[in-house]
Amino acid sequence: MRDLIEKLLQKGYSVLFSMEGGFPVIRIIKGTDAEHPVKSCSLGSGDFRSAVEDTLQSMILDLERHPQ
């Protein structure tokens, strides 16, 4: 997971993790604008580590295909 976060940081993004409604939420923001994430995703049940890695990878691929 560290390499995924480093990849986002090198591109000028930040990653925020939070709990909302009992579910983990991942947000990718540009710079420090937490009010307007460029990508966000709520995770369901399952293995948190693998779910986060899969989700981050998917979000990164989408950002690479469609830069914000």
C-alpha atoms as a PDB file:
ATOM      1  CA  MET A   1       0.000   0.000   0.000  1.00  0.00           C
ATOM      2  CA  ARG A   2       2.918   2.322   0.709  1.00  0.00           C
ATOM      3  CA  ASP A   3       3.992   2.295  -2.945  1.00  0.00           C
ATOM      4  CA  LEU A   4       0.480   3.263  -4.066  1.00  0.00           C
ATOM      5  CA  ILE A   5       0.366   6.202  -1.652  1.00  0.00           C
ATOM      6  CA  GLU A   6       3.869   7.297  -2.713  1.00  0.00           C
ATOM      7  CA  LYS A   7       2.764   7.189  -6.359  1.00  0.00           C
ATOM      8  CA  LEU A   8      -0.168   9.486  -5.570  1.00  0.00           C
ATOM      9  CA  LEU A   9       2.014  11.854  -3.536  1.00  0.00           C
ATOM     10  CA  GLN A  10       4.485  12.149  -6.425  1.00  0.00           C
ATOM     11  CA  LYS A  11       1.591  13.210  -8.671  1.00  0.00           C
ATOM     12  CA  GLY A  12       0.511  15.947  -6.228  1.00  0.00           C
ATOM     13  CA  TYR A  13      -2.384  14.080  -4.617  1.00  0.00           C
ATOM     14  CA  SER A  14      -3.082  13.270  -0.971  1.00  0.00           C
ATOM     15  CA  VAL A  15      -4.995  10.312   0.435  1.00  0.00           C
ATOM     16  CA  LEU A  16      -7.471  10.655   3.305  1.00  0.00           C
ATOM     17  CA  PHE A  17      -8.961   7.747   5.236  1.00  0.00           C
ATOM     18  CA  SER A  18     -12.042   8.151   7.438  1.00  0.00           C
ATOM     19  CA  MET A  19     -14.988   6.251   8.900  1.00  0.00           C
ATOM     20  CA  GLU A  20     -18.470   7.334   7.884  1.00  0.00           C
ATOM     21  CA  GLY A  21     -21.628   5.472   8.782  1.00  0.00           C
ATOM     22  CA  GLY A  22     -19.526   2.593  10.090  1.00  0.00           C
ATOM     23  CA  PHE A  23     -17.688   2.104   6.772  1.00  0.00           C
ATOM     24  CA  PRO A  24     -14.154   3.101   5.821  1.00  0.00           C
ATOM     25  CA  VAL A  25     -13.936   5.810   3.163  1.00  0.00           C
ATOM     26  CA  ILE A  26     -10.955   6.644   0.963  1.00  0.00           C
ATOM     27  CA  ARG A  27     -10.627  10.074  -0.633  1.00  0.00           C
ATOM     28  CA  ILE A  28      -7.982  11.289  -3.042  1.00  0.00           C
ATOM     29  CA  ILE A  29      -7.550  15.046  -3.030  1.00  0.00           C
ATOM     30  CA  LYS A  30      -5.446  17.430  -5.075  1.00  0.00           C
ATOM     31  CA  GLY A  31      -3.239  19.583  -2.869  1.00  0.00           C
ATOM     32  CA  THR A  32      -5.076  20.404   0.361  1.00  0.00           C
ATOM     33  CA  ASP A  33      -8.641  20.799  -0.927  1.00  0.00           C
ATOM     34  CA  ALA A  34     -10.358  18.152   1.236  1.00  0.00           C
ATOM     35  CA  GLU A  35     -13.783  19.652   0.493  1.00  0.00           C
ATOM     36  CA  HIS A  36     -13.582  18.618  -3.165  1.00  0.00           C
ATOM     37  CA  PRO A  37     -11.972  15.185  -3.572  1.00  0.00           C
ATOM     38  CA  VAL A  38     -11.055  14.129  -7.104  1.00  0.00           C
ATOM     39  CA  LYS A  39     -11.964  10.516  -6.227  1.00  0.00           C
ATOM     40  CA  SER A  40     -13.687   8.877  -3.272  1.00  0.00           C
ATOM     41  CA  CYS A  41     -14.869   5.398  -2.435  1.00  0.00           C
ATOM     42  CA  SER A  42     -16.612   3.700   0.476  1.00  0.00           C
ATOM     43  CA  LEU A  43     -15.413   0.197   1.322  1.00  0.00           C
ATOM     44  CA  GLY A  44     -17.676  -2.654   2.355  1.00  0.00           C
ATOM     45  CA  SER A  45     -16.857  -5.559   4.587  1.00  0.00           C
ATOM     46  CA  GLY A  46     -13.878  -7.804   3.939  1.00  0.00           C
ATOM     47  CA  ASP A  47     -10.149  -7.711   4.455  1.00  0.00           C
ATOM     48  CA  PHE A  48      -9.393  -4.012   4.914  1.00  0.00           C
ATOM     49  CA  ARG A  49      -5.804  -4.155   3.667  1.00  0.00           C
ATOM     50  CA  SER A  50      -6.536  -5.941   0.397  1.00  0.00           C
ATOM     51  CA  ALA A  51      -9.702  -3.898  -0.161  1.00  0.00           C
ATOM     52  CA  VAL A  52      -7.770  -0.636   0.303  1.00  0.00           C
ATOM     53  CA  GLU A  53      -4.964  -1.736  -2.013  1.00  0.00           C
ATOM     54  CA  ASP A  54      -7.360  -2.879  -4.730  1.00  0.00           C
ATOM     55  CA  THR A  55      -9.427   0.284  -4.410  1.00  0.00           C
ATOM     56  CA  LEU A  56      -6.417   2.620  -4.450  1.00  0.00           C
ATOM     57  CA  GLN A  57      -5.000   0.841  -7.506  1.00  0.00           C
ATOM     58  CA  SER A  58      -8.321   1.209  -9.308  1.00  0.00           C
ATOM     59  CA  MET A  59      -8.571   4.889  -8.369  1.00  0.00           C
ATOM     60  CA  ILE A  60      -5.003   5.531  -9.577  1.00  0.00           C
ATOM     61  CA  LEU A  61      -5.679   3.835 -12.909  1.00  0.00           C
ATOM     62  CA  ASP A  62      -8.806   5.935 -13.350  1.00  0.00           C
ATOM     63  CA  LEU A  63      -6.873   9.135 -12.560  1.00  0.00           C
ATOM     64  CA  GLU A  64      -4.182   8.163 -15.070  1.00  0.00           C
ATOM     65  CA  ARG A  65      -6.809   7.565 -17.755  1.00  0.00           C
ATOM     66  CA  HIS A  66      -8.789  10.705 -16.909  1.00  0.00           C
ATOM     67  CA  PRO A  67      -6.490  13.295 -15.257  1.00  0.00           C
ATOM     68  CA  GLN A  68      -8.231  15.899 -13.120  1.00  0.00           C
END
